[in-house]
Every structure is written in structure tokens, then in C-alpha cells.
Amino acid sequence: MTYPRILFYFVVPAIALAFASTWARKRIDAQFAKALGALLVIVYAATVPWDNLAVKWGIWSFDWEKTAGIRLWYLPLEEYLFFGLETVLAALLFQTLRSTRTTP
């Protein structure tokens, strides 16, 4: 299976379900959007440099036959999408679980 298909078949549907659940509980607002934006900046700032260096130094690699073929520095485009999509998914799941927690 190719990297784009993995993202499309597994990550995107999970985000859609988490978004629907979070939206139904009315937990998506401007504050959530700002926090998610800040989190995405932090995630990309933290992961892009070391991930690129790890590939450059040969710590790990990608099977370029299983990617879309678009490379930014040393990483396939899908790796950058993965950083953002997983962050969005985690934030949505956190927000959904946070909204279902009962307070004593």
C-alpha cells in the first residue's frame, strides 16, 4: 500500500469521525482553532528539522516508489501531511474526550 493511500484510507476517515463527534458536542470554536493552529506550528517546528536530518544521515528512509514522488528537502510530501493530520486527529480526539468527561 502506498503512503498516500494509508493516509486517505485510515487517517482522513478517523479525522472525519472525530470532527463529527467534536462538532456534535459543540466543542469546536475560535479558541480551539487558535490552540490547534499554535499546536501545528509547534509540531512542524519540532519535527521537520530532525526528520529531515534523520533521512539525510540514513537513520531511516522512504520507499520512493510508494510515495507521490513529491519531495521537500529529504522528505516526501506525505510525511509533512502526516505530521499535520495526526496532530489534528489527536486534538479532535482530545477535545471529544474532554467534552465527555464528567466533573464531580
PDB file of N, CA and C in Angstrom:
ATOM      1  N   MET A   1       0.849  -1.176   0.000  1.00  0.00           N
ATOM      2  CA  MET A   1       0.000   0.000   0.000  1.00  0.00           C
ATOM      3  C   MET A   1       0.898   1.244   0.000  1.00  0.00           C
ATOM      4  N   THR A   2       0.473   2.258  -0.721  1.00  0.00           N
ATOM      5  CA  THR A   2       1.267   3.481  -0.808  1.00  0.00           C
ATOM      6  C   THR A   2       0.986   4.399   0.378  1.00  0.00           C
ATOM      7  N   TYR A   3       1.935   5.273   0.615  1.00  0.00           N
ATOM      8  CA  TYR A   3       1.816   6.231   1.718  1.00  0.00           C
ATOM      9  C   TYR A   3       0.561   7.103   1.565  1.00  0.00           C
ATOM     10  N   PRO A   4       0.291   7.663   0.375  1.00  0.00           N
ATOM     11  CA  PRO A   4      -0.935   8.469   0.242  1.00  0.00           C
ATOM     12  C   PRO A   4      -2.202   7.669   0.548  1.00  0.00           C
ATOM     13  N   ARG A   5      -2.242   6.413   0.136  1.00  0.00           N
ATOM     14  CA  ARG A   5      -3.433   5.589   0.400  1.00  0.00           C
ATOM     15  C   ARG A   5      -3.612   5.318   1.888  1.00  0.00           C
ATOM     16  N   ILE A   6      -2.517   5.092   2.587  1.00  0.00           N
ATOM     17  CA  ILE A   6      -2.620   4.873   4.031  1.00  0.00           C
ATOM     18  C   ILE A   6      -3.248   6.095   4.699  1.00  0.00           C
ATOM     19  N   LEU A   7      -2.767   7.270   4.321  1.00  0.00           N
ATOM     20  CA  LEU A   7      -3.333   8.497   4.883  1.00  0.00           C
ATOM     21  C   LEU A   7      -4.812   8.626   4.519  1.00  0.00           C
ATOM     22  N   PHE A   8      -5.135   8.370   3.256  1.00  0.00           N
ATOM     23  CA  PHE A   8      -6.508   8.543   2.776  1.00  0.00           C
ATOM     24  C   PHE A   8      -7.467   7.527   3.379  1.00  0.00           C
ATOM     25  N   TYR A   9      -7.044   6.279   3.505  1.00  0.00           N
ATOM     26  CA  TYR A   9      -7.931   5.224   3.985  1.00  0.00           C
ATOM     27  C   TYR A   9      -8.053   5.151   5.508  1.00  0.00           C
ATOM     28  N   PHE A  10      -7.002   5.552   6.213  1.00  0.00           N
ATOM     29  CA  PHE A  10      -7.014   5.371   7.661  1.00  0.00           C
ATOM     30  C   PHE A  10      -7.062   6.675   8.453  1.00  0.00           C
ATOM     31  N   VAL A  11      -6.255   7.647   8.078  1.00  0.00           N
ATOM     32  CA  VAL A  11      -6.164   8.869   8.875  1.00  0.00           C
ATOM     33  C   VAL A  11      -7.316   9.828   8.567  1.00  0.00           C
ATOM     34  N   VAL A  12      -7.601  10.053   7.302  1.00  0.00           N
ATOM     35  CA  VAL A  12      -8.655  11.000   6.928  1.00  0.00           C
ATOM     36  C   VAL A  12     -10.031  10.558   7.459  1.00  0.00           C
ATOM     37  N   PRO A  13     -10.426   9.289   7.329  1.00  0.00           N
ATOM     38  CA  PRO A  13     -11.716   8.893   7.910  1.00  0.00           C
ATOM     39  C   PRO A  13     -11.760   9.051   9.440  1.00  0.00           C
ATOM     40  N   ALA A  14     -10.653   8.762  10.099  1.00  0.00           N
ATOM     41  CA  ALA A  14     -10.613   8.936  11.554  1.00  0.00           C
ATOM     42  C   ALA A  14     -10.795  10.407  11.916  1.00  0.00           C
ATOM     43  N   ILE A  15     -10.180  11.294  11.146  1.00  0.00           N
ATOM     44  CA  ILE A  15     -10.355  12.732  11.381  1.00  0.00           C
ATOM     45  C   ILE A  15     -11.806  13.129  11.150  1.00  0.00           C
ATOM     46  N   ALA A  16     -12.413  12.605  10.100  1.00  0.00           N
ATOM     47  CA  ALA A  16     -13.815  12.937   9.806  1.00  0.00           C
ATOM     48  C   ALA A  16     -14.725  12.505  10.950  1.00  0.00           C
ATOM     49  N   LEU A  17     -14.511  11.300  11.472  1.00  0.00           N
ATOM     50  CA  LEU A  17     -15.327  10.825  12.597  1.00  0.00           C
ATOM     51  C   LEU A  17     -15.085  11.653  13.852  1.00  0.00           C
ATOM     52  N   ALA A  18     -13.827  11.939  14.132  1.00  0.00           N
ATOM     53  CA  ALA A  18     -13.509  12.742  15.314  1.00  0.00           C
ATOM     54  C   ALA A  18     -14.072  14.154  15.176  1.00  0.00           C
ATOM     55  N   PHE A  19     -13.986  14.712  13.973  1.00  0.00           N
ATOM     56  CA  PHE A  19     -14.536  16.050  13.737  1.00  0.00           C
ATOM     57  C   PHE A  19     -16.049  16.047  13.952  1.00  0.00           C
ATOM     58  N   ALA A  20     -16.721  15.037  13.393  1.00  0.00           N
ATOM     59  CA  ALA A  20     -18.182  14.956  13.541  1.00  0.00           C
ATOM     60  C   ALA A  20     -18.575  14.834  15.009  1.00  0.00           C
ATOM     61  N   SER A  21     -17.842  14.027  15.744  1.00  0.00           N
ATOM     62  CA  SER A  21     -18.133  13.856  17.171  1.00  0.00           C
ATOM     63  C   SER A  21     -17.891  15.151  17.943  1.00  0.00           C
ATOM     64  N   THR A  22     -16.785  15.795  17.655  1.00  0.00           N
ATOM     65  CA  THR A  22     -16.455  17.048  18.341  1.00  0.00           C
ATOM     66  C   THR A  22     -17.445  18.142  17.971  1.00  0.00           C
ATOM     67  N   TRP A  23     -17.807  18.217  16.701  1.00  0.00           N
ATOM     68  CA  TRP A  23     -18.761  19.214  16.221  1.00  0.00           C
ATOM     69  C   TRP A  23     -20.138  18.992  16.860  1.00  0.00           C
ATOM     70  N   ALA A  24     -20.551  17.733  16.952  1.00  0.00           N
ATOM     71  CA  ALA A  24     -21.852  17.415  17.543  1.00  0.00           C
ATOM     72  C   ALA A  24     -21.923  17.846  19.002  1.00  0.00           C
ATOM     73  N   ARG A  25     -20.809  17.814  19.685  1.00  0.00           N
ATOM     74  CA  ARG A  25     -20.770  18.229  21.091  1.00  0.00           C
ATOM     75  C   ARG A  25     -20.508  19.727  21.234  1.00  0.00           C
ATOM     76  N   LYS A  26     -20.486  20.422  20.095  1.00  0.00           N
ATOM     77  CA  LYS A  26     -20.275  21.878  20.071  1.00  0.00           C
ATOM     78  C   LYS A  26     -18.975  22.264  20.781  1.00  0.00           C
ATOM     79  N   ARG A  27     -17.910  21.509  20.478  1.00  0.00           N
ATOM     80  CA  ARG A  27     -16.624  21.751  21.122  1.00  0.00           C
ATOM     81  C   ARG A  27     -15.615  22.404  20.171  1.00  0.00           C
ATOM     82  N   ILE A  28     -16.043  22.762  18.984  1.00  0.00           N
ATOM     83  CA  ILE A  28     -15.149  23.441  18.045  1.00  0.00           C
ATOM     84  C   ILE A  28     -15.540  24.907  18.018  1.00  0.00           C
ATOM     85  N   ASP A  29     -14.611  25.752  18.438  1.00  0.00           N
ATOM     86  CA  ASP A  29     -14.858  27.190  18.462  1.00  0.00           C
ATOM     87  C   ASP A  29     -13.564  27.903  18.104  1.00  0.00           C
ATOM     88  N   ALA A  30     -13.569  29.217  18.198  1.00  0.00           N
ATOM     89  CA  ALA A  30     -12.391  30.008  17.839  1.00  0.00           C
ATOM     90  C   ALA A  30     -11.210  29.683  18.756  1.00  0.00           C
ATOM     91  N   GLN A  31     -11.461  29.459  20.006  1.00  0.00           N
ATOM     92  CA  GLN A  31     -10.384  29.137  20.941  1.00  0.00           C
ATOM     93  C   GLN A  31      -9.725  27.809  20.557  1.00  0.00           C
ATOM     94  N   PHE A  32     -10.540  26.813  20.206  1.00  0.00           N
ATOM     95  CA  PHE A  32      -9.995  25.526  19.774  1.00  0.00           C
ATOM     96  C   PHE A  32      -9.176  25.695  18.499  1.00  0.00           C
ATOM     97  N   ALA A  33      -9.682  26.465  17.557  1.00  0.00           N
ATOM     98  CA  ALA A  33      -8.968  26.687  16.292  1.00  0.00           C
ATOM     99  C   ALA A  33      -7.623  27.375  16.526  1.00  0.00           C
ATOM    100  N   LYS A  34      -7.587  28.364  17.406  1.00  0.00           N
ATOM    101  CA  LYS A  34      -6.323  29.044  17.718  1.00  0.00           C
ATOM    102  C   LYS A  34      -5.336  28.090  18.380  1.00  0.00           C
ATOM    103  N   ALA A  35      -5.816  27.302  19.318  1.00  0.00           N
ATOM    104  CA  ALA A  35      -4.951  26.344  20.005  1.00  0.00           C
ATOM    105  C   ALA A  35      -4.413  25.304  19.022  1.00  0.00           C
ATOM    106  N   LEU A  36      -5.264  24.829  18.123  1.00  0.00           N
ATOM    107  CA  LEU A  36      -4.834  23.862  17.122  1.00  0.00           C
ATOM    108  C   LEU A  36      -3.799  24.481  16.187  1.00  0.00           C
ATOM    109  N   GLY A  37      -4.018  25.713  15.781  1.00  0.00           N
ATOM    110  CA  GLY A  37      -3.043  26.402  14.930  1.00  0.00           C
ATOM    111  C   GLY A  37      -1.685  26.528  15.599  1.00  0.00           C
ATOM    112  N   ALA A  38      -1.690  26.913  16.879  1.00  0.00           N
ATOM    113  CA  ALA A  38      -0.436  27.021  17.627  1.00  0.00           C
ATOM    114  C   ALA A  38       0.236  25.661  17.767  1.00  0.00           C
ATOM    115  N   LEU A  39      -0.556  24.649  18.015  1.00  0.00           N
ATOM    116  CA  LEU A  39      -0.013  23.297  18.143  1.00  0.00           C
ATOM    117  C   LEU A  39       0.614  22.827  16.832  1.00  0.00           C
ATOM    118  N   LEU A  40      -0.029  23.131  15.717  1.00  0.00           N
ATOM    119  CA  LEU A  40       0.533  22.754  14.418  1.00  0.00           C
ATOM    120  C   LEU A  40       1.871  23.441  14.158  1.00  0.00           C
ATOM    121  N   VAL A  41       1.975  24.708  14.528  1.00  0.00           N
ATOM    122  CA  VAL A  41       3.250  25.423  14.367  1.00  0.00           C
ATOM    123  C   VAL A  41       4.335  24.728  15.185  1.00  0.00           C
ATOM    124  N   ILE A  42       4.019  24.380  16.418  1.00  0.00           N
ATOM    125  CA  ILE A  42       4.984  23.705  17.287  1.00  0.00           C
ATOM    126  C   ILE A  42       5.374  22.341  16.720  1.00  0.00           C
ATOM    127  N   VAL A  43       4.396  21.585  16.270  1.00  0.00           N
ATOM    128  CA  VAL A  43       4.667  20.249  15.729  1.00  0.00           C
ATOM    129  C   VAL A  43       5.585  20.335  14.514  1.00  0.00           C
ATOM    130  N   TYR A  44       5.279  21.222  13.587  1.00  0.00           N
ATOM    131  CA  TYR A  44       6.124  21.330  12.393  1.00  0.00           C
ATOM    132  C   TYR A  44       7.510  21.855  12.738  1.00  0.00           C
ATOM    133  N   ALA A  45       7.601  22.817  13.630  1.00  0.00           N
ATOM    134  CA  ALA A  45       8.909  23.351  14.028  1.00  0.00           C
ATOM    135  C   ALA A  45       9.758  22.279  14.715  1.00  0.00           C
ATOM    136  N   ALA A  46       9.114  21.388  15.436  1.00  0.00           N
ATOM    137  CA  ALA A  46       9.853  20.361  16.161  1.00  0.00           C
ATOM    138  C   ALA A  46      10.197  19.147  15.300  1.00  0.00           C
ATOM    139  N   THR A  47       9.347  18.795  14.360  1.00  0.00           N
ATOM    140  CA  THR A  47       9.558  17.544  13.625  1.00  0.00           C
ATOM    141  C   THR A  47      10.294  17.700  12.303  1.00  0.00           C
ATOM    142  N   VAL A  48      10.062  18.790  11.600  1.00  0.00           N
ATOM    143  CA  VAL A  48      10.673  18.937  10.271  1.00  0.00           C
ATOM    144  C   VAL A  48      12.198  18.874  10.319  1.00  0.00           C
ATOM    145  N   PRO A  49      12.862  19.621  11.187  1.00  0.00           N
ATOM    146  CA  PRO A  49      14.334  19.565  11.159  1.00  0.00           C
ATOM    147  C   PRO A  49      14.906  18.182  11.469  1.00  0.00           C
ATOM    148  N   TRP A  50      14.466  17.567  12.562  1.00  0.00           N
ATOM    149  CA  TRP A  50      15.091  16.293  12.922  1.00  0.00           C
ATOM    150  C   TRP A  50      14.677  15.176  11.985  1.00  0.00           C
ATOM    151  N   ASP A  51      13.469  15.198  11.445  1.00  0.00           N
ATOM    152  CA  ASP A  51      13.043  14.171  10.498  1.00  0.00           C
ATOM    153  C   ASP A  51      13.868  14.263   9.215  1.00  0.00           C
ATOM    154  N   ASN A  52      14.085  15.484   8.735  1.00  0.00           N
ATOM    155  CA  ASN A  52      14.922  15.657   7.545  1.00  0.00           C
ATOM    156  C   ASN A  52      16.356  15.202   7.798  1.00  0.00           C
ATOM    157  N   LEU A  53      16.893  15.553   8.954  1.00  0.00           N
ATOM    158  CA  LEU A  53      18.250  15.123   9.282  1.00  0.00           C
ATOM    159  C   LEU A  53      18.348  13.611   9.415  1.00  0.00           C
ATOM    160  N   ALA A  54      17.344  12.983   9.995  1.00  0.00           N
ATOM    161  CA  ALA A  54      17.362  11.525  10.143  1.00  0.00           C
ATOM    162  C   ALA A  54      17.410  10.838   8.784  1.00  0.00           C
ATOM    163  N   VAL A  55      16.673  11.355   7.822  1.00  0.00           N
ATOM    164  CA  VAL A  55      16.706  10.776   6.475  1.00  0.00           C
ATOM    165  C   VAL A  55      18.044  11.097   5.808  1.00  0.00           C
ATOM    166  N   LYS A  56      18.504  12.318   5.943  1.00  0.00           N
ATOM    167  CA  LYS A  56      19.785  12.715   5.347  1.00  0.00           C
ATOM    168  C   LYS A  56      20.922  11.850   5.868  1.00  0.00           C
ATOM    169  N   TRP A  57      20.941  11.570   7.173  1.00  0.00           N
ATOM    170  CA  TRP A  57      22.005  10.789   7.792  1.00  0.00           C
ATOM    171  C   TRP A  57      21.816   9.276   7.639  1.00  0.00           C
ATOM    172  N   GLY A  58      20.705   8.875   7.027  1.00  0.00           N
ATOM    173  CA  GLY A  58      20.482   7.455   6.799  1.00  0.00           C
ATOM    174  C   GLY A  58      19.925   6.695   7.986  1.00  0.00           C
ATOM    175  N   ILE A  59      19.411   7.393   8.969  1.00  0.00           N
ATOM    176  CA  ILE A  59      18.816   6.724  10.123  1.00  0.00           C
ATOM    177  C   ILE A  59      17.560   5.975   9.692  1.00  0.00           C
ATOM    178  N   TRP A  60      16.778   6.581   8.814  1.00  0.00           N
ATOM    179  CA  TRP A  60      15.684   5.880   8.162  1.00  0.00           C
ATOM    180  C   TRP A  60      15.489   6.453   6.776  1.00  0.00           C
ATOM    181  N   SER A  61      14.646   5.772   6.013  1.00  0.00           N
ATOM    182  CA  SER A  61      14.440   6.197   4.626  1.00  0.00           C
ATOM    183  C   SER A  61      13.002   5.892   4.219  1.00  0.00           C
ATOM    184  N   PHE A  62      12.678   6.295   3.020  1.00  0.00           N
ATOM    185  CA  PHE A  62      11.345   6.066   2.477  1.00  0.00           C
ATOM    186  C   PHE A  62      11.474   5.304   1.171  1.00  0.00           C
ATOM    187  N   ASP A  63      10.525   4.437   0.921  1.00  0.00           N
ATOM    188  CA  ASP A  63      10.449   3.756  -0.371  1.00  0.00           C
ATOM    189  C   ASP A  63       9.767   4.729  -1.329  1.00  0.00           C
ATOM    190  N   TRP A  64      10.561   5.387  -2.150  1.00  0.00           N
ATOM    191  CA  TRP A  64      10.034   6.449  -3.010  1.00  0.00           C
ATOM    192  C   TRP A  64       9.043   5.926  -4.040  1.00  0.00           C
ATOM    193  N   GLU A  65       9.049   4.623  -4.280  1.00  0.00           N
ATOM    194  CA  GLU A  65       8.064   4.024  -5.187  1.00  0.00           C
ATOM    195  C   GLU A  65       6.662   4.039  -4.571  1.00  0.00           C
ATOM    196  N   LYS A  66       6.600   4.152  -3.258  1.00  0.00           N
ATOM    197  CA  LYS A  66       5.309   4.123  -2.557  1.00  0.00           C
ATOM    198  C   LYS A  66       4.863   5.502  -2.103  1.00  0.00           C
ATOM    199  N   THR A  67       5.459   6.536  -2.653  1.00  0.00           N
ATOM    200  CA  THR A  67       5.052   7.907  -2.343  1.00  0.00           C
ATOM    201  C   THR A  67       4.539   8.571  -3.607  1.00  0.00           C
ATOM    202  N   ALA A  68       4.040   9.764  -3.469  1.00  0.00           N
ATOM    203  CA  ALA A  68       3.552  10.516  -4.630  1.00  0.00           C
ATOM    204  C   ALA A  68       4.704  11.063  -5.472  1.00  0.00           C
ATOM    205  N   GLY A  69       5.909  10.981  -4.950  1.00  0.00           N
ATOM    206  CA  GLY A  69       7.076  11.428  -5.704  1.00  0.00           C
ATOM    207  C   GLY A  69       7.432  12.888  -5.511  1.00  0.00           C
ATOM    208  N   ILE A  70       6.684  13.582  -4.674  1.00  0.00           N
ATOM    209  CA  ILE A  70       6.976  14.986  -4.395  1.00  0.00           C
ATOM    210  C   ILE A  70       7.847  15.036  -3.150  1.00  0.00           C
ATOM    211  N   ARG A  71       9.042  15.587  -3.316  1.00  0.00           N
ATOM    212  CA  ARG A  71       9.994  15.631  -2.202  1.00  0.00           C
ATOM    213  C   ARG A  71      10.252  17.085  -1.817  1.00  0.00           C
ATOM    214  N   LEU A  72      10.165  17.362  -0.521  1.00  0.00           N
ATOM    215  CA  LEU A  72      10.537  18.660   0.023  1.00  0.00           C
ATOM    216  C   LEU A  72      11.721  18.415   0.936  1.00  0.00           C
ATOM    217  N   TRP A  73      12.857  18.933   0.582  1.00  0.00           N
ATOM    218  CA  TRP A  73      14.123  18.621   1.230  1.00  0.00           C
ATOM    219  C   TRP A  73      14.347  17.125   1.115  1.00  0.00           C
ATOM    220  N   TYR A  74      14.360  16.388   2.201  1.00  0.00           N
ATOM    221  CA  TYR A  74      14.628  14.952   2.163  1.00  0.00           C
ATOM    222  C   TYR A  74      13.384  14.095   2.382  1.00  0.00           C
ATOM    223  N   LEU A  75      12.248  14.741   2.593  1.00  0.00           N
ATOM    224  CA  LEU A  75      11.033  14.003   2.944  1.00  0.00           C
ATOM    225  C   LEU A  75       9.991  14.050   1.837  1.00  0.00           C
ATOM    226  N   PRO A  76       9.191  12.980   1.726  1.00  0.00           N
ATOM    227  CA  PRO A  76       8.067  13.034   0.793  1.00  0.00           C
ATOM    228  C   PRO A  76       6.969  13.946   1.342  1.00  0.00           C
ATOM    229  N   LEU A  77       6.189  14.501   0.459  1.00  0.00           N
ATOM    230  CA  LEU A  77       5.090  15.385   0.851  1.00  0.00           C
ATOM    231  C   LEU A  77       4.181  14.714   1.874  1.00  0.00           C
ATOM    232  N   GLU A  78       3.963  13.424   1.718  1.00  0.00           N
ATOM    233  CA  GLU A  78       3.065  12.703   2.621  1.00  0.00           C
ATOM    234  C   GLU A  78       3.545  12.744   4.067  1.00  0.00           C
ATOM    235  N   GLU A  79       4.847  12.802   4.290  1.00  0.00           N
ATOM    236  CA  GLU A  79       5.350  12.856   5.655  1.00  0.00           C
ATOM    237  C   GLU A  79       4.939  14.167   6.321  1.00  0.00           C
ATOM    238  N   TYR A  80       4.995  15.258   5.561  1.00  0.00           N
ATOM    239  CA  TYR A  80       4.545  16.545   6.099  1.00  0.00           C
ATOM    240  C   TYR A  80       3.042  16.516   6.370  1.00  0.00           C
ATOM    241  N   LEU A  81       2.289  15.899   5.460  1.00  0.00           N
ATOM    242  CA  LEU A  81       0.849  15.767   5.680  1.00  0.00           C
ATOM    243  C   LEU A  81       0.571  14.925   6.923  1.00  0.00           C
ATOM    244  N   PHE A  82       1.348  13.870   7.109  1.00  0.00           N
ATOM    245  CA  PHE A  82       1.188  13.011   8.275  1.00  0.00           C
ATOM    246  C   PHE A  82       1.357  13.805   9.562  1.00  0.00           C
ATOM    247  N   PHE A  83       2.389  14.665   9.642  1.00  0.00           N
ATOM    248  CA  PHE A  83       2.595  15.487  10.842  1.00  0.00           C
ATOM    249  C   PHE A  83       1.327  16.268  11.181  1.00  0.00           C
ATOM    250  N   GLY A  84       0.781  16.944  10.185  1.00  0.00           N
ATOM    251  CA  GLY A  84      -0.383  17.793  10.418  1.00  0.00           C
ATOM    252  C   GLY A  84      -1.652  17.007  10.672  1.00  0.00           C
ATOM    253  N   LEU A  85      -1.883  15.967   9.876  1.00  0.00           N
ATOM    254  CA  LEU A  85      -3.112  15.192  10.027  1.00  0.00           C
ATOM    255  C   LEU A  85      -3.164  14.481  11.376  1.00  0.00           C
ATOM    256  N   GLU A  86      -2.066  13.911  11.803  1.00  0.00           N
ATOM    257  CA  GLU A  86      -2.051  13.237  13.107  1.00  0.00           C
ATOM    258  C   GLU A  86      -2.241  14.229  14.252  1.00  0.00           C
ATOM    259  N   THR A  87      -1.709  15.421  14.094  1.00  0.00           N
ATOM    260  CA  THR A  87      -1.902  16.455  15.113  1.00  0.00           C
ATOM    261  C   THR A  87      -3.365  16.870  15.192  1.00  0.00           C
ATOM    262  N   VAL A  88      -3.989  17.062  14.044  1.00  0.00           N
ATOM    263  CA  VAL A  88      -5.413  17.416  14.010  1.00  0.00           C
ATOM    264  C   VAL A  88      -6.241  16.298  14.626  1.00  0.00           C
ATOM    265  N   LEU A  89      -5.936  15.051  14.267  1.00  0.00           N
ATOM    266  CA  LEU A  89      -6.675  13.918  14.823  1.00  0.00           C
ATOM    267  C   LEU A  89      -6.531  13.856  16.341  1.00  0.00           C
ATOM    268  N   ALA A  90      -5.323  13.992  16.840  1.00  0.00           N
ATOM    269  CA  ALA A  90      -5.107  13.943  18.292  1.00  0.00           C
ATOM    270  C   ALA A  90      -5.846  15.070  19.003  1.00  0.00           C
ATOM    271  N   ALA A  91      -5.813  16.276  18.420  1.00  0.00           N
ATOM    272  CA  ALA A  91      -6.509  17.415  19.038  1.00  0.00           C
ATOM    273  C   ALA A  91      -8.021  17.193  19.058  1.00  0.00           C
ATOM    274  N   LEU A  92      -8.569  16.680  17.967  1.00  0.00           N
ATOM    275  CA  LEU A  92     -10.005  16.417  17.914  1.00  0.00           C
ATOM    276  C   LEU A  92     -10.413  15.326  18.904  1.00  0.00           C
ATOM    277  N   LEU A  93      -9.612  14.275  18.987  1.00  0.00           N
ATOM    278  CA  LEU A  93      -9.924  13.209  19.948  1.00  0.00           C
ATOM    279  C   LEU A  93      -9.838  13.720  21.381  1.00  0.00           C
ATOM    280  N   PHE A  94      -8.823  14.510  21.649  1.00  0.00           N
ATOM    281  CA  PHE A  94      -8.696  15.092  22.990  1.00  0.00           C
ATOM    282  C   PHE A  94      -9.913  15.960  23.310  1.00  0.00           C
ATOM    283  N   GLN A  95     -10.302  16.787  22.365  1.00  0.00           N
ATOM    284  CA  GLN A  95     -11.437  17.684  22.581  1.00  0.00           C
ATOM    285  C   GLN A  95     -12.730  16.889  22.776  1.00  0.00           C
ATOM    286  N   THR A  96     -12.884  15.810  22.023  1.00  0.00           N
ATOM    287  CA  THR A  96     -14.074  14.971  22.177  1.00  0.00           C
ATOM    288  C   THR A  96     -14.085  14.294  23.543  1.00  0.00           C
ATOM    289  N   LEU A  97     -12.957  13.713  23.924  1.00  0.00           N
ATOM    290  CA  LEU A  97     -12.898  13.040  25.219  1.00  0.00           C
ATOM    291  C   LEU A  97     -13.047  14.025  26.368  1.00  0.00           C
ATOM    292  N   ARG A  98     -12.472  15.194  26.199  1.00  0.00           N
ATOM    293  CA  ARG A  98     -12.586  16.229  27.223  1.00  0.00           C
ATOM    294  C   ARG A  98     -14.040  16.636  27.410  1.00  0.00           C
ATOM    295  N   SER A  99     -14.787  16.660  26.351  1.00  0.00           N
ATOM    296  CA  SER A  99     -16.189  17.088  26.442  1.00  0.00           C
ATOM    297  C   SER A  99     -17.085  16.019  27.042  1.00  0.00           C
ATOM    298  N   THR A 100     -16.626  14.764  27.055  1.00  0.00           N
ATOM    299  CA  THR A 100     -17.470  13.709  27.607  1.00  0.00           C
ATOM    300  C   THR A 100     -17.140  13.426  29.075  1.00  0.00           C
ATOM    301  N   ARG A 101     -16.081  14.004  29.562  1.00  0.00           N
ATOM    302  CA  ARG A 101     -15.668  13.772  30.957  1.00  0.00           C
ATOM    303  C   ARG A 101     -16.681  14.416  31.906  1.00  0.00           C
ATOM    304  N   THR A 102     -17.035  13.693  32.909  1.00  0.00           N
ATOM    305  CA  THR A 102     -17.956  14.253  33.906  1.00  0.00           C
ATOM    306  C   THR A 102     -17.160  14.883  35.027  1.00  0.00           C
ATOM    307  N   THR A 103     -17.651  15.969  35.513  1.00  0.00           N
ATOM    308  CA  THR A 103     -16.983  16.637  36.631  1.00  0.00           C
ATOM    309  C   THR A 103     -17.714  16.297  37.918  1.00  0.00           C
ATOM    310  N   PRO A 104     -16.970  16.016  38.994  1.00  0.00           N
ATOM    311  CA  PRO A 104     -17.628  15.633  40.266  1.00  0.00           C
ATOM    312  C   PRO A 104     -18.290  16.825  40.929  1.00  0.00           C
TER     313      PRO A 104
END
